[in-house]
Amino acid sequence: MIRIVALIRNFREDMRFAARQVRRAPAYAIFTILVLALGIGTVTAMFTISYGVLLKPLPFRADHQLFDVVESTAKGDETFAASYPEITQLQQEPRALPTWHLPRTM
């Protein structure tokens, strides 16, 4: 019980000291608060971006069944791009994959 009272007393003394320092040098206090806010905002933005790019699941019903559409030329070169008409043609062919998974709406 004595430790809790001492902790509360120390906290109140620290808050009084902080208030006196802010009154003595308000520009320094404002600058320090702005730097802290900028740092917290930057870290939050980085975690948000890394979650959205790296950790968030893909917006597909069966994302473990995704595949690349690869087109080979006569020389053996492979291109990894398919146009929308090519994809719709592949969807209509009976030899194509049995199910096409379209993106879920966000």
PDB file of N, CA and C in Angstrom:
ATOM      1  N   MET A   1       0.821  -1.198   0.000  1.00  0.00           N
ATOM      2  CA  MET A   1       0.000   0.000   0.000  1.00  0.00           C
ATOM      3  C   MET A   1       0.864   1.261   0.000  1.00  0.00           C
ATOM      4  N   ILE A   2       1.961   1.192   0.768  1.00  0.00           N
ATOM      5  CA  ILE A   2       2.846   2.353   0.864  1.00  0.00           C
ATOM      6  C   ILE A   2       3.497   2.623  -0.488  1.00  0.00           C
ATOM      7  N   ARG A   3       3.849   1.553  -1.209  1.00  0.00           N
ATOM      8  CA  ARG A   3       4.469   1.737  -2.517  1.00  0.00           C
ATOM      9  C   ARG A   3       3.517   2.431  -3.485  1.00  0.00           C
ATOM     10  N   ILE A   4       2.244   2.079  -3.451  1.00  0.00           N
ATOM     11  CA  ILE A   4       1.262   2.688  -4.355  1.00  0.00           C
ATOM     12  C   ILE A   4       1.132   4.179  -4.049  1.00  0.00           C
ATOM     13  N   VAL A   5       1.074   4.520  -2.763  1.00  0.00           N
ATOM     14  CA  VAL A   5       0.979   5.926  -2.375  1.00  0.00           C
ATOM     15  C   VAL A   5       2.222   6.677  -2.838  1.00  0.00           C
ATOM     16  N   ALA A   6       3.387   6.057  -2.697  1.00  0.00           N
ATOM     17  CA  ALA A   6       4.631   6.704  -3.118  1.00  0.00           C
ATOM     18  C   ALA A   6       4.654   6.875  -4.638  1.00  0.00           C
ATOM     19  N   LEU A   7       4.167   5.880  -5.368  1.00  0.00           N
ATOM     20  CA  LEU A   7       4.109   5.997  -6.823  1.00  0.00           C
ATOM     21  C   LEU A   7       3.186   7.131  -7.245  1.00  0.00           C
ATOM     22  N   ILE A   8       2.037   7.245  -6.617  1.00  0.00           N
ATOM     23  CA  ILE A   8       1.094   8.318  -6.956  1.00  0.00           C
ATOM     24  C   ILE A   8       1.711   9.676  -6.625  1.00  0.00           C
ATOM     25  N   ARG A   9       2.375   9.782  -5.479  1.00  0.00           N
ATOM     26  CA  ARG A   9       3.006  11.037  -5.086  1.00  0.00           C
ATOM     27  C   ARG A   9       4.108  11.412  -6.076  1.00  0.00           C
ATOM     28  N   ASN A  10       4.925  10.447  -6.464  1.00  0.00           N
ATOM     29  CA  ASN A  10       5.979  10.718  -7.439  1.00  0.00           C
ATOM     30  C   ASN A  10       5.399  11.135  -8.787  1.00  0.00           C
ATOM     31  N   PHE A  11       4.317  10.488  -9.194  1.00  0.00           N
ATOM     32  CA  PHE A  11       3.681  10.842 -10.457  1.00  0.00           C
ATOM     33  C   PHE A  11       3.161  12.275 -10.417  1.00  0.00           C
ATOM     34  N   ARG A  12       2.526  12.667  -9.328  1.00  0.00           N
ATOM     35  CA  ARG A  12       2.020  14.046  -9.203  1.00  0.00           C
ATOM     36  C   ARG A  12       3.170  15.050  -9.233  1.00  0.00           C
ATOM     37  N   GLU A  13       4.279  14.732  -8.559  1.00  0.00           N
ATOM     38  CA  GLU A  13       5.441  15.627  -8.588  1.00  0.00           C
ATOM     39  C   GLU A  13       6.014  15.738 -10.000  1.00  0.00           C
ATOM     40  N   ASP A  14       6.070  14.617 -10.717  1.00  0.00           N
ATOM     41  CA  ASP A  14       6.566  14.645 -12.102  1.00  0.00           C
ATOM     42  C   ASP A  14       5.655  15.482 -12.998  1.00  0.00           C
ATOM     43  N   MET A  15       4.363  15.388 -12.806  1.00  0.00           N
ATOM     44  CA  MET A  15       3.420  16.173 -13.611  1.00  0.00           C
ATOM     45  C   MET A  15       3.559  17.667 -13.315  1.00  0.00           C
ATOM     46  N   ARG A  16       3.755  18.016 -12.056  1.00  0.00           N
ATOM     47  CA  ARG A  16       3.971  19.424 -11.694  1.00  0.00           C
ATOM     48  C   ARG A  16       5.259  19.948 -12.323  1.00  0.00           C
ATOM     49  N   PHE A  17       6.331  19.120 -12.260  1.00  0.00           N
ATOM     50  CA  PHE A  17       7.592  19.513 -12.862  1.00  0.00           C
ATOM     51  C   PHE A  17       7.424  19.711 -14.371  1.00  0.00           C
ATOM     52  N   ALA A  18       6.696  18.784 -15.031  1.00  0.00           N
ATOM     53  CA  ALA A  18       6.474  18.897 -16.474  1.00  0.00           C
ATOM     54  C   ALA A  18       5.696  20.168 -16.793  1.00  0.00           C
ATOM     55  N   ALA A  19       4.674  20.499 -15.997  1.00  0.00           N
ATOM     56  CA  ALA A  19       3.888  21.716 -16.227  1.00  0.00           C
ATOM     57  C   ALA A  19       4.762  22.963 -16.070  1.00  0.00           C
ATOM     58  N   ARG A  20       5.660  22.973 -15.091  1.00  0.00           N
ATOM     59  CA  ARG A  20       6.561  24.122 -14.913  1.00  0.00           C
ATOM     60  C   ARG A  20       7.502  24.273 -16.103  1.00  0.00           C
ATOM     61  N   GLN A  21       8.012  23.150 -16.615  1.00  0.00           N
ATOM     62  CA  GLN A  21       8.920  23.205 -17.758  1.00  0.00           C
ATOM     63  C   GLN A  21       8.197  23.706 -19.015  1.00  0.00           C
ATOM     64  N   VAL A  22       6.955  23.310 -19.182  1.00  0.00           N
ATOM     65  CA  VAL A  22       6.180  23.779 -20.337  1.00  0.00           C
ATOM     66  C   VAL A  22       5.954  25.280 -20.230  1.00  0.00           C
ATOM     67  N   ARG A  23       5.673  25.775 -19.026  1.00  0.00           N
ATOM     68  CA  ARG A  23       5.470  27.218 -18.843  1.00  0.00           C
ATOM     69  C   ARG A  23       6.757  28.002 -19.078  1.00  0.00           C
ATOM     70  N   ARG A  24       7.909  27.405 -18.743  1.00  0.00           N
ATOM     71  CA  ARG A  24       9.181  28.095 -18.939  1.00  0.00           C
ATOM     72  C   ARG A  24       9.584  28.159 -20.405  1.00  0.00           C
ATOM     73  N   ALA A  25       9.384  27.065 -21.129  1.00  0.00           N
ATOM     74  CA  ALA A  25       9.823  27.006 -22.531  1.00  0.00           C
ATOM     75  C   ALA A  25       8.704  26.396 -23.386  1.00  0.00           C
ATOM     76  N   PRO A  26       7.668  27.188 -23.704  1.00  0.00           N
ATOM     77  CA  PRO A  26       6.536  26.621 -24.453  1.00  0.00           C
ATOM     78  C   PRO A  26       6.907  26.219 -25.884  1.00  0.00           C
ATOM     79  N   ALA A  27       7.843  26.932 -26.507  1.00  0.00           N
ATOM     80  CA  ALA A  27       8.240  26.581 -27.879  1.00  0.00           C
ATOM     81  C   ALA A  27       8.909  25.208 -27.907  1.00  0.00           C
ATOM     82  N   TYR A  28       9.766  24.954 -26.938  1.00  0.00           N
ATOM     83  CA  TYR A  28      10.425  23.649 -26.862  1.00  0.00           C
ATOM     84  C   TYR A  28       9.400  22.540 -26.624  1.00  0.00           C
ATOM     85  N   ALA A  29       8.432  22.793 -25.767  1.00  0.00           N
ATOM     86  CA  ALA A  29       7.402  21.796 -25.475  1.00  0.00           C
ATOM     87  C   ALA A  29       6.562  21.507 -26.724  1.00  0.00           C
ATOM     88  N   ILE A  30       6.177  22.545 -27.442  1.00  0.00           N
ATOM     89  CA  ILE A  30       5.393  22.357 -28.661  1.00  0.00           C
ATOM     90  C   ILE A  30       6.211  21.586 -29.697  1.00  0.00           C
ATOM     91  N   PHE A  31       7.480  21.942 -29.845  1.00  0.00           N
ATOM     92  CA  PHE A  31       8.351  21.243 -30.796  1.00  0.00           C
ATOM     93  C   PHE A  31       8.488  19.768 -30.420  1.00  0.00           C
ATOM     94  N   THR A  32       8.677  19.480 -29.149  1.00  0.00           N
ATOM     95  CA  THR A  32       8.816  18.096 -28.691  1.00  0.00           C
ATOM     96  C   THR A  32       7.542  17.306 -28.946  1.00  0.00           C
ATOM     97  N   ILE A  33       6.392  17.907 -28.666  1.00  0.00           N
ATOM     98  CA  ILE A  33       5.111  17.228 -28.895  1.00  0.00           C
ATOM     99  C   ILE A  33       4.902  16.974 -30.388  1.00  0.00           C
ATOM    100  N   LEU A  34       5.262  17.942 -31.230  1.00  0.00           N
ATOM    101  CA  LEU A  34       5.126  17.750 -32.676  1.00  0.00           C
ATOM    102  C   LEU A  34       6.047  16.648 -33.197  1.00  0.00           C
ATOM    103  N   VAL A  35       7.260  16.588 -32.685  1.00  0.00           N
ATOM    104  CA  VAL A  35       8.185  15.532 -33.113  1.00  0.00           C
ATOM    105  C   VAL A  35       7.662  14.161 -32.687  1.00  0.00           C
ATOM    106  N   LEU A  36       7.155  14.056 -31.481  1.00  0.00           N
ATOM    107  CA  LEU A  36       6.572  12.789 -31.021  1.00  0.00           C
ATOM    108  C   LEU A  36       5.365  12.400 -31.872  1.00  0.00           C
ATOM    109  N   ALA A  37       4.495  13.358 -32.162  1.00  0.00           N
ATOM    110  CA  ALA A  37       3.312  13.068 -32.984  1.00  0.00           C
ATOM    111  C   ALA A  37       3.725  12.638 -34.386  1.00  0.00           C
ATOM    112  N   LEU A  38       4.723  13.287 -34.947  1.00  0.00           N
ATOM    113  CA  LEU A  38       5.207  12.908 -36.276  1.00  0.00           C
ATOM    114  C   LEU A  38       5.798  11.500 -36.263  1.00  0.00           C
ATOM    115  N   GLY A  39       6.554  11.176 -35.246  1.00  0.00           N
ATOM    116  CA  GLY A  39       7.129   9.830 -35.135  1.00  0.00           C
ATOM    117  C   GLY A  39       6.059   8.763 -34.976  1.00  0.00           C
ATOM    118  N   ILE A  40       5.076   9.019 -34.133  1.00  0.00           N
ATOM    119  CA  ILE A  40       3.991   8.051 -33.936  1.00  0.00           C
ATOM    120  C   ILE A  40       3.191   7.893 -35.222  1.00  0.00           C
ATOM    121  N   GLY A  41       2.927   8.992 -35.912  1.00  0.00           N
ATOM    122  CA  GLY A  41       2.192   8.924 -37.177  1.00  0.00           C
ATOM    123  C   GLY A  41       2.959   8.163 -38.243  1.00  0.00           C
ATOM    124  N   THR A  42       4.273   8.353 -38.302  1.00  0.00           N
ATOM    125  CA  THR A  42       5.096   7.651 -39.283  1.00  0.00           C
ATOM    126  C   THR A  42       5.100   6.150 -39.018  1.00  0.00           C
ATOM    127  N   VAL A  43       5.263   5.765 -37.776  1.00  0.00           N
ATOM    128  CA  VAL A  43       5.267   4.346 -37.434  1.00  0.00           C
ATOM    129  C   VAL A  43       3.905   3.723 -37.731  1.00  0.00           C
ATOM    130  N   THR A  44       2.835   4.431 -37.413  1.00  0.00           N
ATOM    131  CA  THR A  44       1.497   3.924 -37.701  1.00  0.00           C
ATOM    132  C   THR A  44       1.289   3.748 -39.199  1.00  0.00           C
ATOM    133  N   ALA A  45       1.735   4.715 -39.978  1.00  0.00           N
ATOM    134  CA  ALA A  45       1.604   4.609 -41.434  1.00  0.00           C
ATOM    135  C   ALA A  45       2.406   3.434 -41.980  1.00  0.00           C
ATOM    136  N   MET A  46       3.614   3.221 -41.478  1.00  0.00           N
ATOM    137  CA  MET A  46       4.431   2.107 -41.953  1.00  0.00           C
ATOM    138  C   MET A  46       3.801   0.761 -41.610  1.00  0.00           C
ATOM    139  N   PHE A  47       3.254   0.618 -40.410  1.00  0.00           N
ATOM    140  CA  PHE A  47       2.594  -0.632 -40.048  1.00  0.00           C
ATOM    141  C   PHE A  47       1.341  -0.845 -40.885  1.00  0.00           C
ATOM    142  N   THR A  48       0.606   0.216 -41.171  1.00  0.00           N
ATOM    143  CA  THR A  48      -0.583   0.096 -42.003  1.00  0.00           C
ATOM    144  C   THR A  48      -0.226  -0.345 -43.412  1.00  0.00           C
ATOM    145  N   ILE A  49       0.812   0.243 -43.968  1.00  0.00           N
ATOM    146  CA  ILE A  49       1.243  -0.135 -45.320  1.00  0.00           C
ATOM    147  C   ILE A  49       1.754  -1.565 -45.341  1.00  0.00           C
ATOM    148  N   SER A  50       2.580  -1.936 -44.360  1.00  0.00           N
ATOM    149  CA  SER A  50       3.115  -3.304 -44.362  1.00  0.00           C
ATOM    150  C   SER A  50       2.012  -4.325 -44.146  1.00  0.00           C
ATOM    151  N   TYR A  51       0.999  -4.010 -43.356  1.00  0.00           N
ATOM    152  CA  TYR A  51      -0.123  -4.933 -43.191  1.00  0.00           C
ATOM    153  C   TYR A  51      -0.889  -5.074 -44.500  1.00  0.00           C
ATOM    154  N   GLY A  52      -1.167  -3.955 -45.159  1.00  0.00           N
ATOM    155  CA  GLY A  52      -1.935  -3.993 -46.394  1.00  0.00           C
ATOM    156  C   GLY A  52      -1.213  -4.699 -47.523  1.00  0.00           C
ATOM    157  N   VAL A  53       0.114  -4.590 -47.565  1.00  0.00           N
ATOM    158  CA  VAL A  53       0.877  -5.171 -48.665  1.00  0.00           C
ATOM    159  C   VAL A  53       1.334  -6.593 -48.358  1.00  0.00           C
ATOM    160  N   LEU A  54       1.764  -6.858 -47.145  1.00  0.00           N
ATOM    161  CA  LEU A  54       2.386  -8.141 -46.836  1.00  0.00           C
ATOM    162  C   LEU A  54       1.505  -9.115 -46.067  1.00  0.00           C
ATOM    163  N   LEU A  55       0.712  -8.639 -45.135  1.00  0.00           N
ATOM    164  CA  LEU A  55       0.032  -9.543 -44.218  1.00  0.00           C
ATOM    165  C   LEU A  55      -1.441  -9.774 -44.508  1.00  0.00           C
ATOM    166  N   LYS A  56      -2.093  -8.815 -45.109  1.00  0.00           N
ATOM    167  CA  LYS A  56      -3.525  -8.929 -45.364  1.00  0.00           C
ATOM    168  C   LYS A  56      -3.786 -10.019 -46.404  1.00  0.00           C
ATOM    169  N   PRO A  57      -4.763 -10.878 -46.175  1.00  0.00           N
ATOM    170  CA  PRO A  57      -5.034 -11.934 -47.151  1.00  0.00           C
ATOM    171  C   PRO A  57      -5.505 -11.358 -48.489  1.00  0.00           C
ATOM    172  N   LEU A  58      -5.236 -12.091 -49.545  1.00  0.00           N
ATOM    173  CA  LEU A  58      -5.648 -11.653 -50.874  1.00  0.00           C
ATOM    174  C   LEU A  58      -7.172 -11.641 -50.979  1.00  0.00           C
ATOM    175  N   PRO A  59      -7.729 -10.737 -51.781  1.00  0.00           N
ATOM    176  CA  PRO A  59      -9.186 -10.617 -51.854  1.00  0.00           C
ATOM    177  C   PRO A  59      -9.817 -11.630 -52.816  1.00  0.00           C
ATOM    178  N   PHE A  60      -9.492 -12.904 -52.652  1.00  0.00           N
ATOM    179  CA  PHE A  60     -10.051 -13.952 -53.478  1.00  0.00           C
ATOM    180  C   PHE A  60     -10.649 -15.025 -52.586  1.00  0.00           C
ATOM    181  N   ARG A  61     -11.678 -15.674 -53.096  1.00  0.00           N
ATOM    182  CA  ARG A  61     -12.327 -16.725 -52.309  1.00  0.00           C
ATOM    183  C   ARG A  61     -11.362 -17.884 -52.041  1.00  0.00           C
ATOM    184  N   ALA A  62     -10.611 -18.291 -53.029  1.00  0.00           N
ATOM    185  CA  ALA A  62      -9.678 -19.409 -52.888  1.00  0.00           C
ATOM    186  C   ALA A  62      -8.297 -18.939 -53.325  1.00  0.00           C
ATOM    187  N   ASP A  63      -7.672 -18.122 -52.506  1.00  0.00           N
ATOM    188  CA  ASP A  63      -6.395 -17.534 -52.903  1.00  0.00           C
ATOM    189  C   ASP A  63      -5.277 -18.566 -53.014  1.00  0.00           C
ATOM    190  N   HIS A  64      -5.437 -19.735 -52.441  1.00  0.00           N
ATOM    191  CA  HIS A  64      -4.411 -20.774 -52.578  1.00  0.00           C
ATOM    192  C   HIS A  64      -4.443 -21.429 -53.968  1.00  0.00           C
ATOM    193  N   GLN A  65      -5.468 -21.126 -54.771  1.00  0.00           N
ATOM    194  CA  GLN A  65      -5.571 -21.700 -56.107  1.00  0.00           C
ATOM    195  C   GLN A  65      -5.223 -20.683 -57.201  1.00  0.00           C
ATOM    196  N   LEU A  66      -4.583 -19.594 -56.870  1.00  0.00           N
ATOM    197  CA  LEU A  66      -4.205 -18.596 -57.871  1.00  0.00           C
ATOM    198  C   LEU A  66      -3.135 -19.148 -58.801  1.00  0.00           C
ATOM    199  N   PHE A  67      -3.116 -18.678 -60.014  1.00  0.00           N
ATOM    200  CA  PHE A  67      -2.123 -19.115 -60.984  1.00  0.00           C
ATOM    201  C   PHE A  67      -1.809 -17.968 -61.924  1.00  0.00           C
ATOM    202  N   ASP A  68      -0.715 -18.108 -62.667  1.00  0.00           N
ATOM    203  CA  ASP A  68      -0.310 -17.125 -63.670  1.00  0.00           C
ATOM    204  C   ASP A  68      -0.754 -17.613 -65.043  1.00  0.00           C
ATOM    205  N   VAL A  69      -1.198 -16.691 -65.861  1.00  0.00           N
ATOM    206  CA  VAL A  69      -1.486 -17.001 -67.255  1.00  0.00           C
ATOM    207  C   VAL A  69      -0.234 -16.618 -68.031  1.00  0.00           C
ATOM    208  N   VAL A  70       0.433 -17.617 -68.621  1.00  0.00           N
ATOM    209  CA  VAL A  70       1.690 -17.406 -69.324  1.00  0.00           C
ATOM    210  C   VAL A  70       1.475 -17.751 -70.788  1.00  0.00           C
ATOM    211  N   GLU A  71       1.981 -16.891 -71.637  1.00  0.00           N
ATOM    212  CA  GLU A  71       1.863 -17.095 -73.073  1.00  0.00           C
ATOM    213  C   GLU A  71       3.268 -17.321 -73.630  1.00  0.00           C
ATOM    214  N   SER A  72       3.443 -18.375 -74.414  1.00  0.00           N
ATOM    215  CA  SER A  72       4.749 -18.671 -75.001  1.00  0.00           C
ATOM    216  C   SER A  72       4.748 -18.302 -76.477  1.00  0.00           C
ATOM    217  N   THR A  73       5.860 -17.728 -76.917  1.00  0.00           N
ATOM    218  CA  THR A  73       6.011 -17.395 -78.330  1.00  0.00           C
ATOM    219  C   THR A  73       6.732 -18.548 -79.031  1.00  0.00           C
ATOM    220  N   ALA A  74       6.895 -18.438 -80.338  1.00  0.00           N
ATOM    221  CA  ALA A  74       7.576 -19.480 -81.113  1.00  0.00           C
ATOM    222  C   ALA A  74       9.036 -19.610 -80.693  1.00  0.00           C
ATOM    223  N   LYS A  75       9.640 -18.521 -80.259  1.00  0.00           N
ATOM    224  CA  LYS A  75      11.042 -18.542 -79.827  1.00  0.00           C
ATOM    225  C   LYS A  75      11.201 -19.161 -78.436  1.00  0.00           C
ATOM    226  N   GLY A  76      10.108 -19.332 -77.741  1.00  0.00           N
ATOM    227  CA  GLY A  76      10.182 -19.871 -76.380  1.00  0.00           C
ATOM    228  C   GLY A  76      10.149 -18.796 -75.316  1.00  0.00           C
ATOM    229  N   ASP A  77       9.994 -17.549 -75.746  1.00  0.00           N
ATOM    230  CA  ASP A  77       9.888 -16.468 -74.767  1.00  0.00           C
ATOM    231  C   ASP A  77       8.517 -16.540 -74.098  1.00  0.00           C
ATOM    232  N   GLU A  78       8.495 -16.215 -72.836  1.00  0.00           N
ATOM    233  CA  GLU A  78       7.230 -16.225 -72.096  1.00  0.00           C
ATOM    234  C   GLU A  78       6.854 -14.811 -71.699  1.00  0.00           C
ATOM    235  N   THR A  79       5.602 -14.488 -71.909  1.00  0.00           N
ATOM    236  CA  THR A  79       5.083 -13.202 -71.446  1.00  0.00           C
ATOM    237  C   THR A  79       4.065 -13.487 -70.354  1.00  0.00           C
ATOM    238  N   PHE A  80       4.070 -12.659 -69.366  1.00  0.00           N
ATOM    239  CA  PHE A  80       3.210 -12.871 -68.213  1.00  0.00           C
ATOM    240  C   PHE A  80       2.003 -11.947 -68.203  1.00  0.00           C
ATOM    241  N   ALA A  81       1.666 -11.400 -69.349  1.00  0.00           N
ATOM    242  CA  ALA A  81       0.529 -10.487 -69.411  1.00  0.00           C
ATOM    243  C   ALA A  81      -0.527 -11.075 -70.344  1.00  0.00           C
ATOM    244  N   ALA A  82      -1.764 -10.977 -69.932  1.00  0.00           N
ATOM    245  CA  ALA A  82      -2.879 -11.417 -70.763  1.00  0.00           C
ATOM    246  C   ALA A  82      -3.909 -10.302 -70.767  1.00  0.00           C
ATOM    247  N   SER A  83      -4.479 -10.048 -71.929  1.00  0.00           N
ATOM    248  CA  SER A  83      -5.477  -8.991 -72.025  1.00  0.00           C
ATOM    249  C   SER A  83      -6.838  -9.533 -71.570  1.00  0.00           C
ATOM    250  N   TYR A  84      -7.744  -8.625 -71.355  1.00  0.00           N
ATOM    251  CA  TYR A  84      -9.083  -9.031 -70.917  1.00  0.00           C
ATOM    252  C   TYR A  84      -9.768  -9.934 -71.942  1.00  0.00           C
ATOM    253  N   PRO A  85      -9.710  -9.627 -73.252  1.00  0.00           N
ATOM    254  CA  PRO A  85     -10.328 -10.547 -74.215  1.00  0.00           C
ATOM    255  C   PRO A  85      -9.699 -11.945 -74.194  1.00  0.00           C
ATOM    256  N   GLU A  86      -8.391 -12.033 -73.967  1.00  0.00           N
ATOM    257  CA  GLU A  86      -7.747 -13.349 -73.891  1.00  0.00           C
ATOM    258  C   GLU A  86      -8.236 -14.133 -72.677  1.00  0.00           C
ATOM    259  N   ILE A  87      -8.415 -13.456 -71.586  1.00  0.00           N
ATOM    260  CA  ILE A  87      -8.894 -14.135 -70.378  1.00  0.00           C
ATOM    261  C   ILE A  87     -10.324 -14.605 -70.563  1.00  0.00           C
ATOM    262  N   THR A  88     -11.182 -13.768 -71.155  1.00  0.00           N
ATOM    263  CA  THR A  88     -12.571 -14.208 -71.383  1.00  0.00           C
ATOM    264  C   THR A  88     -12.614 -15.371 -72.370  1.00  0.00           C
ATOM    265  N   GLN A  89     -11.717 -15.389 -73.347  1.00  0.00           N
ATOM    266  CA  GLN A  89     -11.657 -16.519 -74.276  1.00  0.00           C
ATOM    267  C   GLN A  89     -11.234 -17.792 -73.535  1.00  0.00           C
ATOM    268  N   LEU A  90     -10.262 -17.677 -72.645  1.00  0.00           N
ATOM    269  CA  LEU A  90      -9.843 -18.840 -71.854  1.00  0.00           C
ATOM    270  C   LEU A  90     -10.968 -19.340 -70.959  1.00  0.00           C
ATOM    271  N   GLN A  91     -11.769 -18.432 -70.423  1.00  0.00           N
ATOM    272  CA  GLN A  91     -12.879 -18.836 -69.566  1.00  0.00           C
ATOM    273  C   GLN A  91     -13.919 -19.639 -70.349  1.00  0.00           C
ATOM    274  N   GLN A  92     -14.070 -19.345 -71.628  1.00  0.00           N
ATOM    275  CA  GLN A  92     -15.094 -20.002 -72.430  1.00  0.00           C
ATOM    276  C   GLN A  92     -14.621 -21.338 -72.994  1.00  0.00           C
ATOM    277  N   GLU A  93     -13.323 -21.585 -73.017  1.00  0.00           N
ATOM    278  CA  GLU A  93     -12.811 -22.836 -73.564  1.00  0.00           C
ATOM    279  C   GLU A  93     -13.056 -23.977 -72.587  1.00  0.00           C
ATOM    280  N   PRO A  94     -13.480 -25.146 -73.109  1.00  0.00           N
ATOM    281  CA  PRO A  94     -13.754 -26.274 -72.211  1.00  0.00           C
ATOM    282  C   PRO A  94     -12.489 -26.868 -71.595  1.00  0.00           C
ATOM    283  N   ARG A  95     -11.333 -26.689 -72.219  1.00  0.00           N
ATOM    284  CA  ARG A  95     -10.108 -27.260 -71.660  1.00  0.00           C
ATOM    285  C   ARG A  95      -9.494 -26.373 -70.588  1.00  0.00           C
ATOM    286  N   ALA A  96     -10.086 -25.232 -70.352  1.00  0.00           N
ATOM    287  CA  ALA A  96      -9.558 -24.323 -69.325  1.00  0.00           C
ATOM    288  C   ALA A  96      -9.823 -24.913 -67.936  1.00  0.00           C
ATOM    289  N   LEU A  97      -9.313 -24.257 -66.934  1.00  0.00           N
ATOM    290  CA  LEU A  97      -9.514 -24.738 -65.571  1.00  0.00           C
ATOM    291  C   LEU A  97     -10.999 -24.765 -65.224  1.00  0.00           C
ATOM    292  N   PRO A  98     -11.395 -25.673 -64.350  1.00  0.00           N
ATOM    293  CA  PRO A  98     -12.827 -25.836 -64.082  1.00  0.00           C
ATOM    294  C   PRO A  98     -13.495 -24.624 -63.437  1.00  0.00           C
ATOM    295  N   THR A  99     -12.816 -23.923 -62.573  1.00  0.00           N
ATOM    296  CA  THR A  99     -13.433 -22.761 -61.927  1.00  0.00           C
ATOM    297  C   THR A  99     -12.487 -21.573 -62.008  1.00  0.00           C
ATOM    298  N   TRP A 100     -13.068 -20.423 -62.218  1.00  0.00           N
ATOM    299  CA  TRP A 100     -12.312 -19.180 -62.227  1.00  0.00           C
ATOM    300  C   TRP A 100     -12.728 -18.396 -61.004  1.00  0.00           C
ATOM    301  N   HIS A 101     -11.764 -18.024 -60.204  1.00  0.00           N
ATOM    302  CA  HIS A 101     -12.060 -17.292 -58.976  1.00  0.00           C
ATOM    303  C   HIS A 101     -11.895 -15.807 -59.234  1.00  0.00           C
ATOM    304  N   LEU A 102     -12.972 -15.100 -59.108  1.00  0.00           N
ATOM    305  CA  LEU A 102     -12.950 -13.657 -59.324  1.00  0.00           C
ATOM    306  C   LEU A 102     -12.722 -12.941 -58.006  1.00  0.00           C
ATOM    307  N   PRO A 103     -12.158 -11.742 -58.042  1.00  0.00           N
ATOM    308  CA  PRO A 103     -11.896 -11.020 -56.795  1.00  0.00           C
ATOM    309  C   PRO A 103     -13.174 -10.708 -56.044  1.00  0.00           C
ATOM    310  N   ARG A 104     -13.068 -10.763 -54.721  1.00  0.00           N
ATOM    311  CA  ARG A 104     -14.188 -10.333 -53.876  1.00  0.00           C
ATOM    312  C   ARG A 104     -14.217  -8.834 -53.839  1.00  0.00           C
ATOM    313  N   THR A 105     -15.389  -8.283 -53.651  1.00  0.00           N
ATOM    314  CA  THR A 105     -15.479  -6.828 -53.502  1.00  0.00           C
ATOM    315  C   THR A 105     -15.036  -6.488 -52.092  1.00  0.00           C
ATOM    316  N   MET A 106     -14.345  -5.376 -51.967  1.00  0.00           N
ATOM    317  CA  MET A 106     -13.831  -4.963 -50.658  1.00  0.00           C
ATOM    318  C   MET A 106     -14.914  -4.333 -49.836  1.00  0.00           C
TER     319      MET A 106
END
